[in-house]
C-alpha cells in the first residue's frame, strides 16, 4: 500500500528524513513514534504529497507521490486543522457532496456520540472538538490511507479514550492503513497493531506489537550477576540503583539463572530505552 525507497528530505543542509526505506503493504492501525524533530510530520506530509522528497521514491497503491501527483486516497490531518466556519450539519452535507463514498451514517452517529450540536458553527467549537469533528469527517470519507498527526492534542483523558474507540470502530468497519503520530504511547497501544519508530530522520523500527511484547523485557538483579548475562544480548538501556541493575533487552528471550528476575516492559519504556539507549543511575 505505502512504500518509501531511500527517501531523503533536506531543508538546507539539514536532513529531516535521511535515506529512509519502509513498506507498509497491509491494512492496519500503525503508531508513529519519535522524539520532537525526529521527522514524523515531514514523513507524513511527503506520503500525502504535501511536500516533495529531495531524493528517493514514495508510492501509494503503486502510484508515485509528489506535490504534482497528490494521492486521492490519502487524507492527512494535523492538530489544529480548520474547516469552513459553517454549522456542523452543513459541513457533513458538504463532505457528502464532495465524496461519493462518504459514510453519512457513521458521521452522524459519531457526531451524536460526542454530543456535537449540528447547529453550532465550527469556530464556536473548542480546540479539541474541532479536531474531533475533522477526524470524524476524514474517517467517514473512506480514504484508503489516513494520516493523523498528533490528533489528541488538547484532549482530556476522557476524550482521548473516546478518540481511540472512534479509531478502532472506524477501522473495524472499514480496514485500511491508519497511521497515528502521538506521544501518548501506552494509551494508543490499546488499539494499534504495529509500531513505527524514527530517530534523526531514520527508520529505527517497524514491528508488530506482539513481536515487541515477546522480545522486549528486562532482567533485574545484582549488577555483578546481570552484567555477565547481557554481554551477548541486545541491551537497549540500563537502570542502576546502588548495587542493583535492571537491563532492558530487545531480542530473543533467555532463561536467566536463579536470582535474576524477568519482567515485561511497557511500550513507553521500550521506546524511551530504544531511542535513549543509555544507563541511568
C-alpha atoms as a PDB file:
ATOM      1  CA  UNK A   1       0.000   0.000   0.000  1.00  0.00           C
ATOM      2  CA  UNK A   2       2.695   2.501   1.082  1.00  0.00           C
ATOM      3  CA  UNK A   3       6.357   2.250   0.145  1.00  0.00           C
ATOM      4  CA  UNK A   4       9.274   4.607   0.706  1.00  0.00           C
ATOM      5  CA  UNK A   5      12.548   3.843  -1.092  1.00  0.00           C
ATOM      6  CA  UNK A   6      15.716   5.635   0.055  1.00  0.00           C
ATOM      7  CA  UNK A   7      13.742   8.788   0.804  1.00  0.00           C
ATOM      8  CA  UNK A   8      15.610  11.886   1.965  1.00  0.00           C
ATOM      9  CA  UNK A   9      14.150  15.311   2.686  1.00  0.00           C
ATOM     10  CA  UNK A  10      16.566  18.166   3.280  1.00  0.00           C
ATOM     11  CA  UNK A  11      15.934  21.684   4.470  1.00  0.00           C
ATOM     12  CA  UNK A  12      19.141  23.412   3.534  1.00  0.00           C
ATOM     13  CA  UNK A  13      21.910  21.158   4.819  1.00  0.00           C
ATOM     14  CA  UNK A  14      19.709  19.530   7.452  1.00  0.00           C
ATOM     15  CA  UNK A  15      18.123  16.153   6.636  1.00  0.00           C
ATOM     16  CA  UNK A  16      14.684  15.903   8.265  1.00  0.00           C
ATOM     17  CA  UNK A  17      14.334  12.445   6.679  1.00  0.00           C
ATOM     18  CA  UNK A  18      17.570  10.609   5.942  1.00  0.00           C
ATOM     19  CA  UNK A  19      17.654   7.723   3.430  1.00  0.00           C
ATOM     20  CA  UNK A  20      14.516   6.120   4.874  1.00  0.00           C
ATOM     21  CA  UNK A  21      13.090   2.949   3.329  1.00  0.00           C
ATOM     22  CA  UNK A  22       9.895   1.337   4.587  1.00  0.00           C
ATOM     23  CA  UNK A  23       6.997  -0.718   3.245  1.00  0.00           C
ATOM     24  CA  UNK A  24       3.529  -0.953   4.761  1.00  0.00           C
ATOM     25  CA  UNK A  25       1.825  -3.478   2.480  1.00  0.00           C
ATOM     26  CA  UNK A  26      -1.214  -4.266   4.604  1.00  0.00           C
ATOM     27  CA  UNK A  27      -4.105  -2.528   6.275  1.00  0.00           C
ATOM     28  CA  UNK A  28      -3.665  -1.816   9.962  1.00  0.00           C
ATOM     29  CA  UNK A  29      -3.505   0.851  12.643  1.00  0.00           C
ATOM     30  CA  UNK A  30       0.099   1.988  12.987  1.00  0.00           C
ATOM     31  CA  UNK A  31       1.572   4.215  15.686  1.00  0.00           C
ATOM     32  CA  UNK A  32       4.350   6.542  14.504  1.00  0.00           C
ATOM     33  CA  UNK A  33       6.755   7.426  17.315  1.00  0.00           C
ATOM     34  CA  UNK A  34       9.786   9.651  17.516  1.00  0.00           C
ATOM     35  CA  UNK A  35      11.171  12.456  19.596  1.00  0.00           C
ATOM     36  CA  UNK A  36      10.400  16.048  18.686  1.00  0.00           C
ATOM     37  CA  UNK A  37      12.230  16.831  15.462  1.00  0.00           C
ATOM     38  CA  UNK A  38      12.647  13.161  14.508  1.00  0.00           C
ATOM     39  CA  UNK A  39      10.875  13.726  11.164  1.00  0.00           C
ATOM     40  CA  UNK A  40       7.390  12.340  11.847  1.00  0.00           C
ATOM     41  CA  UNK A  41       5.424  15.261  10.384  1.00  0.00           C
ATOM     42  CA  UNK A  42       7.768  15.556   7.412  1.00  0.00           C
ATOM     43  CA  UNK A  43       7.305  11.870   6.600  1.00  0.00           C
ATOM     44  CA  UNK A  44       3.512  12.105   6.818  1.00  0.00           C
ATOM     45  CA  UNK A  45       3.371  15.208   4.624  1.00  0.00           C
ATOM     46  CA  UNK A  46       5.519  13.523   1.975  1.00  0.00           C
ATOM     47  CA  UNK A  47       3.262  10.437   1.931  1.00  0.00           C
ATOM     48  CA  UNK A  48       0.273  12.760   1.496  1.00  0.00           C
ATOM     49  CA  UNK A  49       2.028  14.620  -1.320  1.00  0.00           C
ATOM     50  CA  UNK A  50       2.029  17.938   0.528  1.00  0.00           C
ATOM     51  CA  UNK A  51       5.801  18.296   0.254  1.00  0.00           C
ATOM     52  CA  UNK A  52       8.333  16.736  -2.105  1.00  0.00           C
ATOM     53  CA  UNK A  53      11.167  14.413  -1.191  1.00  0.00           C
ATOM     54  CA  UNK A  54      14.637  15.688  -2.027  1.00  0.00           C
ATOM     55  CA  UNK A  55      15.653  12.240  -3.253  1.00  0.00           C
ATOM     56  CA  UNK A  56      14.078   8.793  -3.292  1.00  0.00           C
ATOM     57  CA  UNK A  57      10.659   7.464  -4.253  1.00  0.00           C
ATOM     58  CA  UNK A  58       7.308   7.323  -2.470  1.00  0.00           C
ATOM     59  CA  UNK A  59       4.410   5.248  -3.768  1.00  0.00           C
ATOM     60  CA  UNK A  60       0.872   4.743  -2.500  1.00  0.00           C
ATOM     61  CA  UNK A  61      -1.083   1.945  -4.106  1.00  0.00           C
ATOM     62  CA  UNK A  62       1.726   1.558  -6.647  1.00  0.00           C
ATOM     63  CA  UNK A  63       1.491   5.185  -7.814  1.00  0.00           C
ATOM     64  CA  UNK A  64       4.256   7.757  -7.366  1.00  0.00           C
ATOM     65  CA  UNK A  65       3.502  10.524  -4.899  1.00  0.00           C
ATOM     66  CA  UNK A  66       4.620  14.147  -5.172  1.00  0.00           C
ATOM     67  CA  UNK A  67       3.039  17.621  -4.804  1.00  0.00           C
ATOM     68  CA  UNK A  68       2.195  17.390  -8.521  1.00  0.00           C
ATOM     69  CA  UNK A  69       0.711  13.904  -8.047  1.00  0.00           C
ATOM     70  CA  UNK A  70      -1.102  14.053  -4.719  1.00  0.00           C
ATOM     71  CA  UNK A  71      -2.772  10.706  -3.998  1.00  0.00           C
ATOM     72  CA  UNK A  72      -6.566  10.881  -3.953  1.00  0.00           C
ATOM     73  CA  UNK A  73      -6.861   8.052  -1.440  1.00  0.00           C
ATOM     74  CA  UNK A  74      -4.692   9.678   1.267  1.00  0.00           C
ATOM     75  CA  UNK A  75      -6.074  12.023   3.922  1.00  0.00           C
ATOM     76  CA  UNK A  76      -3.642  13.913   6.149  1.00  0.00           C
ATOM     77  CA  UNK A  77      -4.935  15.656   9.270  1.00  0.00           C
ATOM     78  CA  UNK A  78      -2.790  17.602  11.717  1.00  0.00           C
ATOM     79  CA  UNK A  79      -3.779  19.031  15.068  1.00  0.00           C
ATOM     80  CA  UNK A  80      -5.419  22.403  14.574  1.00  0.00           C
ATOM     81  CA  UNK A  81      -6.747  21.664  11.077  1.00  0.00           C
ATOM     82  CA  UNK A  82      -9.560  24.050  10.161  1.00  0.00           C
ATOM     83  CA  UNK A  83     -12.876  23.756   8.355  1.00  0.00           C
ATOM     84  CA  UNK A  84     -15.160  26.333   6.795  1.00  0.00           C
ATOM     85  CA  UNK A  85     -16.934  28.276   9.543  1.00  0.00           C
ATOM     86  CA  UNK A  86     -20.266  26.655   8.842  1.00  0.00           C
ATOM     87  CA  UNK A  87     -22.669  24.713  11.003  1.00  0.00           C
ATOM     88  CA  UNK A  88     -21.620  21.127  11.709  1.00  0.00           C
ATOM     89  CA  UNK A  89     -24.657  19.790   9.852  1.00  0.00           C
ATOM     90  CA  UNK A  90     -23.671  21.830   6.779  1.00  0.00           C
ATOM     91  CA  UNK A  91     -20.097  20.530   6.942  1.00  0.00           C
ATOM     92  CA  UNK A  92     -21.406  16.961   6.902  1.00  0.00           C
ATOM     93  CA  UNK A  93     -23.562  17.800   3.888  1.00  0.00           C
ATOM     94  CA  UNK A  94     -20.595  19.361   2.076  1.00  0.00           C
ATOM     95  CA  UNK A  95     -18.388  16.347   2.778  1.00  0.00           C
ATOM     96  CA  UNK A  96     -21.099  14.002   1.471  1.00  0.00           C
ATOM     97  CA  UNK A  97     -21.332  16.033  -1.745  1.00  0.00           C
ATOM     98  CA  UNK A  98     -17.563  16.000  -2.278  1.00  0.00           C
ATOM     99  CA  UNK A  99     -17.079  12.271  -1.661  1.00  0.00           C
ATOM    100  CA  UNK A 100     -19.375   9.730  -3.300  1.00  0.00           C
ATOM    101  CA  UNK A 101     -18.449   7.056  -0.766  1.00  0.00           C
ATOM    102  CA  UNK A 102     -18.878   9.305   2.268  1.00  0.00           C
ATOM    103  CA  UNK A 103     -20.411   7.346   5.143  1.00  0.00           C
ATOM    104  CA  UNK A 104     -23.046   9.776   6.382  1.00  0.00           C
ATOM    105  CA  UNK A 105     -24.463   7.264   8.876  1.00  0.00           C
ATOM    106  CA  UNK A 106     -21.046   6.887  10.527  1.00  0.00           C
ATOM    107  CA  UNK A 107     -20.526  10.661  10.638  1.00  0.00           C
ATOM    108  CA  UNK A 108     -23.953  11.308  12.147  1.00  0.00           C
ATOM    109  CA  UNK A 109     -23.533   8.526  14.696  1.00  0.00           C
ATOM    110  CA  UNK A 110     -20.133   9.869  15.810  1.00  0.00           C
ATOM    111  CA  UNK A 111     -21.358  13.464  15.977  1.00  0.00           C
ATOM    112  CA  UNK A 112     -24.201  12.297  18.218  1.00  0.00           C
ATOM    113  CA  UNK A 113     -21.899  10.161  20.366  1.00  0.00           C
ATOM    114  CA  UNK A 114     -19.576  13.093  21.028  1.00  0.00           C
ATOM    115  CA  UNK A 115     -22.535  15.383  21.663  1.00  0.00           C
ATOM    116  CA  UNK A 116     -21.673  17.818  18.898  1.00  0.00           C
ATOM    117  CA  UNK A 117     -24.511  20.244  18.210  1.00  0.00           C
ATOM    118  CA  UNK A 118     -25.112  20.106  14.436  1.00  0.00           C
ATOM    119  CA  UNK A 119     -26.381  23.704  14.549  1.00  0.00           C
ATOM    120  CA  UNK A 120     -23.169  25.043  16.089  1.00  0.00           C
ATOM    121  CA  UNK A 121     -20.613  26.691  13.816  1.00  0.00           C
ATOM    122  CA  UNK A 122     -17.095  25.313  13.545  1.00  0.00           C
ATOM    123  CA  UNK A 123     -15.401  28.346  15.122  1.00  0.00           C
ATOM    124  CA  UNK A 124     -17.627  28.015  18.193  1.00  0.00           C
ATOM    125  CA  UNK A 125     -16.171  24.589  18.996  1.00  0.00           C
ATOM    126  CA  UNK A 126     -13.337  24.043  21.466  1.00  0.00           C
ATOM    127  CA  UNK A 127      -9.896  23.233  20.053  1.00  0.00           C
ATOM    128  CA  UNK A 128     -10.328  19.545  20.922  1.00  0.00           C
ATOM    129  CA  UNK A 129     -13.803  19.310  19.416  1.00  0.00           C
ATOM    130  CA  UNK A 130     -12.607  20.958  16.199  1.00  0.00           C
ATOM    131  CA  UNK A 131     -10.008  18.204  15.866  1.00  0.00           C
ATOM    132  CA  UNK A 132     -12.576  15.540  16.758  1.00  0.00           C
ATOM    133  CA  UNK A 133     -15.013  16.784  14.111  1.00  0.00           C
ATOM    134  CA  UNK A 134     -12.282  16.969  11.453  1.00  0.00           C
ATOM    135  CA  UNK A 135     -11.241  13.411  12.296  1.00  0.00           C
ATOM    136  CA  UNK A 136     -14.844  12.176  12.079  1.00  0.00           C
ATOM    137  CA  UNK A 137     -15.292  13.779   8.645  1.00  0.00           C
ATOM    138  CA  UNK A 138     -11.982  12.310   7.461  1.00  0.00           C
ATOM    139  CA  UNK A 139     -12.717   8.785   8.661  1.00  0.00           C
ATOM    140  CA  UNK A 140     -16.185   8.940   7.104  1.00  0.00           C
ATOM    141  CA  UNK A 141     -14.874   9.737   3.620  1.00  0.00           C
ATOM    142  CA  UNK A 142     -13.439   6.203   3.265  1.00  0.00           C
ATOM    143  CA  UNK A 143      -9.890   7.203   2.232  1.00  0.00           C
ATOM    144  CA  UNK A 144      -7.638   4.155   1.923  1.00  0.00           C
ATOM    145  CA  UNK A 145      -4.843   5.841   3.887  1.00  0.00           C
ATOM    146  CA  UNK A 146      -5.452   8.071   6.926  1.00  0.00           C
ATOM    147  CA  UNK A 147      -2.563  10.050   8.437  1.00  0.00           C
ATOM    148  CA  UNK A 148      -3.286  11.617  11.832  1.00  0.00           C
ATOM    149  CA  UNK A 149      -0.583  13.922  13.203  1.00  0.00           C
ATOM    150  CA  UNK A 150      -0.879  14.415  16.984  1.00  0.00           C
ATOM    151  CA  UNK A 151      -4.698  14.192  16.784  1.00  0.00           C
ATOM    152  CA  UNK A 152      -5.303  14.181  20.548  1.00  0.00           C
ATOM    153  CA  UNK A 153      -3.556  17.445  21.424  1.00  0.00           C
ATOM    154  CA  UNK A 154      -5.995  19.448  23.539  1.00  0.00           C
ATOM    155  CA  UNK A 155      -7.945  16.326  24.554  1.00  0.00           C
ATOM    156  CA  UNK A 156      -8.549  15.392  28.170  1.00  0.00           C
ATOM    157  CA  UNK A 157      -8.269  11.749  29.294  1.00  0.00           C
ATOM    158  CA  UNK A 158     -11.934  11.008  28.549  1.00  0.00           C
ATOM    159  CA  UNK A 159     -11.742  12.500  25.049  1.00  0.00           C
ATOM    160  CA  UNK A 160      -8.570  10.534  24.309  1.00  0.00           C
ATOM    161  CA  UNK A 161     -10.317   7.321  25.331  1.00  0.00           C
ATOM    162  CA  UNK A 162     -13.300   8.232  23.129  1.00  0.00           C
ATOM    163  CA  UNK A 163     -10.982   9.066  20.250  1.00  0.00           C
ATOM    164  CA  UNK A 164      -9.260   5.675  20.467  1.00  0.00           C
ATOM    165  CA  UNK A 165     -12.656   3.958  20.470  1.00  0.00           C
ATOM    166  CA  UNK A 166     -13.652   6.012  17.413  1.00  0.00           C
ATOM    167  CA  UNK A 167     -10.468   4.997  15.617  1.00  0.00           C
ATOM    168  CA  UNK A 168     -10.968   1.307  16.339  1.00  0.00           C
ATOM    169  CA  UNK A 169     -14.646   1.333  15.356  1.00  0.00           C
ATOM    170  CA  UNK A 170     -13.851   3.073  12.084  1.00  0.00           C
ATOM    171  CA  UNK A 171     -11.110   0.587  11.263  1.00  0.00           C
ATOM    172  CA  UNK A 172     -13.243  -2.442  12.084  1.00  0.00           C
ATOM    173  CA  UNK A 173     -15.970  -1.125   9.777  1.00  0.00           C
ATOM    174  CA  UNK A 174     -13.506  -0.237   7.020  1.00  0.00           C
ATOM    175  CA  UNK A 175      -9.993  -1.785   7.293  1.00  0.00           C
ATOM    176  CA  UNK A 176      -7.275   0.427   5.754  1.00  0.00           C
ATOM    177  CA  UNK A 177      -3.941   1.984   6.627  1.00  0.00           C
ATOM    178  CA  UNK A 178      -4.239   4.390   9.549  1.00  0.00           C
ATOM    179  CA  UNK A 179      -1.044   5.990  10.872  1.00  0.00           C
ATOM    180  CA  UNK A 180      -1.265   7.927  14.131  1.00  0.00           C
ATOM    181  CA  UNK A 181       1.569  10.101  15.390  1.00  0.00           C
ATOM    182  CA  UNK A 182       1.373  10.609  19.154  1.00  0.00           C
ATOM    183  CA  UNK A 183       3.427  10.890  22.331  1.00  0.00           C
ATOM    184  CA  UNK A 184       0.765   9.081  24.403  1.00  0.00           C
ATOM    185  CA  UNK A 185       2.189   5.676  23.700  1.00  0.00           C
ATOM    186  CA  UNK A 186       0.583   3.394  26.248  1.00  0.00           C
ATOM    187  CA  UNK A 187      -2.898   4.808  25.563  1.00  0.00           C
ATOM    188  CA  UNK A 188      -2.761   4.266  21.796  1.00  0.00           C
ATOM    189  CA  UNK A 189      -1.277   0.784  22.363  1.00  0.00           C
ATOM    190  CA  UNK A 190      -4.802  -0.428  23.133  1.00  0.00           C
ATOM    191  CA  UNK A 191      -5.883  -0.012  19.505  1.00  0.00           C
ATOM    192  CA  UNK A 192      -2.773  -0.187  17.303  1.00  0.00           C
ATOM    193  CA  UNK A 193      -1.330  -3.278  15.644  1.00  0.00           C
ATOM    194  CA  UNK A 194       2.143  -2.135  14.610  1.00  0.00           C
ATOM    195  CA  UNK A 195       4.735   0.395  15.714  1.00  0.00           C
ATOM    196  CA  UNK A 196       6.958   2.642  13.592  1.00  0.00           C
ATOM    197  CA  UNK A 197       9.834   4.439  15.325  1.00  0.00           C
ATOM    198  CA  UNK A 198      12.032   7.004  13.589  1.00  0.00           C
ATOM    199  CA  UNK A 199      15.002   8.810  15.072  1.00  0.00           C
ATOM    200  CA  UNK A 200      17.057  11.512  13.419  1.00  0.00           C
ATOM    201  CA  UNK A 201      15.110  11.028  10.211  1.00  0.00           C
ATOM    202  CA  UNK A 202      15.998   7.334  10.018  1.00  0.00           C
ATOM    203  CA  UNK A 203      13.795   4.281  10.486  1.00  0.00           C
ATOM    204  CA  UNK A 204      14.711   2.673  13.801  1.00  0.00           C
ATOM    205  CA  UNK A 205      11.974   0.031  13.978  1.00  0.00           C
ATOM    206  CA  UNK A 206       8.815  -1.198  12.261  1.00  0.00           C
ATOM    207  CA  UNK A 207       7.292  -4.171  14.073  1.00  0.00           C
ATOM    208  CA  UNK A 208       4.076  -5.706  15.345  1.00  0.00           C
ATOM    209  CA  UNK A 209       3.076  -5.225  18.981  1.00  0.00           C
ATOM    210  CA  UNK A 210       3.003  -8.979  19.588  1.00  0.00           C
ATOM    211  CA  UNK A 211       6.618  -9.278  18.434  1.00  0.00           C
ATOM    212  CA  UNK A 212       7.680  -6.339  20.594  1.00  0.00           C
ATOM    213  CA  UNK A 213       5.872  -7.740  23.617  1.00  0.00           C
ATOM    214  CA  UNK A 214       7.714 -11.028  23.158  1.00  0.00           C
ATOM    215  CA  UNK A 215      11.165  -9.559  22.519  1.00  0.00           C
ATOM    216  CA  UNK A 216      11.202  -6.538  24.860  1.00  0.00           C
ATOM    217  CA  UNK A 217      11.866  -7.397  28.505  1.00  0.00           C
ATOM    218  CA  UNK A 218      14.062  -6.509  31.466  1.00  0.00           C
ATOM    219  CA  UNK A 219      16.491  -8.521  33.552  1.00  0.00           C
ATOM    220  CA  UNK A 220      16.841  -7.340  37.156  1.00  0.00           C
ATOM    221  CA  UNK A 221      19.174  -8.369  39.934  1.00  0.00           C
ATOM    222  CA  UNK A 222      22.575  -7.656  41.456  1.00  0.00           C
ATOM    223  CA  UNK A 223      24.700  -5.731  38.960  1.00  0.00           C
ATOM    224  CA  UNK A 224      27.572  -8.222  39.300  1.00  0.00           C
ATOM    225  CA  UNK A 225      25.214 -11.035  38.247  1.00  0.00           C
ATOM    226  CA  UNK A 226      23.344  -9.193  35.485  1.00  0.00           C
ATOM    227  CA  UNK A 227      26.369  -7.747  33.652  1.00  0.00           C
ATOM    228  CA  UNK A 228      27.846 -11.097  32.509  1.00  0.00           C
ATOM    229  CA  UNK A 229      24.427 -12.219  31.230  1.00  0.00           C
ATOM    230  CA  UNK A 230      23.825  -9.221  28.970  1.00  0.00           C
ATOM    231  CA  UNK A 231      27.260  -9.278  27.298  1.00  0.00           C
ATOM    232  CA  UNK A 232      25.893 -11.021  24.208  1.00  0.00           C
ATOM    233  CA  UNK A 233      22.361  -9.597  24.349  1.00  0.00           C
ATOM    234  CA  UNK A 234      20.935  -6.502  22.632  1.00  0.00           C
ATOM    235  CA  UNK A 235      20.764  -4.260  25.697  1.00  0.00           C
ATOM    236  CA  UNK A 236      18.894  -1.056  24.796  1.00  0.00           C
ATOM    237  CA  UNK A 237      19.212   0.588  28.203  1.00  0.00           C
ATOM    238  CA  UNK A 238      20.122   0.116  31.830  1.00  0.00           C
ATOM    239  CA  UNK A 239      18.892   1.434  35.152  1.00  0.00           C
ATOM    240  CA  UNK A 240      21.285   1.133  38.091  1.00  0.00           C
ATOM    241  CA  UNK A 241      20.295   1.800  41.706  1.00  0.00           C
ATOM    242  CA  UNK A 242      23.059   1.093  44.171  1.00  0.00           C
ATOM    243  CA  UNK A 243      24.230  -2.465  43.600  1.00  0.00           C
ATOM    244  CA  UNK A 244      21.101  -3.495  41.659  1.00  0.00           C
ATOM    245  CA  UNK A 245      20.611  -3.254  37.904  1.00  0.00           C
ATOM    246  CA  UNK A 246      17.674  -3.527  35.511  1.00  0.00           C
ATOM    247  CA  UNK A 247      18.884  -4.236  31.978  1.00  0.00           C
ATOM    248  CA  UNK A 248      16.349  -3.591  29.216  1.00  0.00           C
ATOM    249  CA  UNK A 249      16.646  -6.082  26.382  1.00  0.00           C
ATOM    250  CA  UNK A 250      15.237  -6.266  22.848  1.00  0.00           C
ATOM    251  CA  UNK A 251      15.861  -9.664  21.340  1.00  0.00           C
ATOM    252  CA  UNK A 252      15.363 -13.378  21.885  1.00  0.00           C
ATOM    253  CA  UNK A 253      14.293 -14.226  25.415  1.00  0.00           C
ATOM    254  CA  UNK A 254      16.657 -16.201  27.605  1.00  0.00           C
ATOM    255  CA  UNK A 255      16.178 -18.389  30.682  1.00  0.00           C
ATOM    256  CA  UNK A 256      18.107 -16.453  33.360  1.00  0.00           C
ATOM    257  CA  UNK A 257      19.768 -18.082  36.364  1.00  0.00           C
ATOM    258  CA  UNK A 258      18.271 -18.026  39.845  1.00  0.00           C
ATOM    259  CA  UNK A 259      18.267 -14.593  41.431  1.00  0.00           C
ATOM    260  CA  UNK A 260      17.587 -12.754  38.168  1.00  0.00           C
ATOM    261  CA  UNK A 261      14.017 -11.537  37.625  1.00  0.00           C
ATOM    262  CA  UNK A 262      12.479 -11.257  34.157  1.00  0.00           C
ATOM    263  CA  UNK A 263       9.802  -8.573  33.664  1.00  0.00           C
ATOM    264  CA  UNK A 264       7.912  -7.169  30.688  1.00  0.00           C
ATOM    265  CA  UNK A 265       8.431  -3.513  29.907  1.00  0.00           C
ATOM    266  CA  UNK A 266       5.746  -1.068  28.847  1.00  0.00           C
ATOM    267  CA  UNK A 267       5.652   0.233  25.293  1.00  0.00           C
ATOM    268  CA  UNK A 268       6.617   3.680  26.553  1.00  0.00           C
ATOM    269  CA  UNK A 269       9.635   2.345  28.465  1.00  0.00           C
ATOM    270  CA  UNK A 270      10.615   0.329  25.397  1.00  0.00           C
ATOM    271  CA  UNK A 271      10.509   3.477  23.238  1.00  0.00           C
ATOM    272  CA  UNK A 272      12.446   5.559  25.771  1.00  0.00           C
ATOM    273  CA  UNK A 273      15.186   2.960  26.108  1.00  0.00           C
ATOM    274  CA  UNK A 274      15.396   2.177  22.387  1.00  0.00           C
ATOM    275  CA  UNK A 275      15.726   5.844  21.459  1.00  0.00           C
ATOM    276  CA  UNK A 276      17.712   6.905  24.526  1.00  0.00           C
ATOM    277  CA  UNK A 277      19.842   3.800  24.882  1.00  0.00           C
ATOM    278  CA  UNK A 278      21.753   4.918  27.956  1.00  0.00           C
ATOM    279  CA  UNK A 279      22.495   3.997  31.551  1.00  0.00           C
ATOM    280  CA  UNK A 280      20.501   5.682  34.310  1.00  0.00           C
ATOM    281  CA  UNK A 281      21.965   5.624  37.794  1.00  0.00           C
END
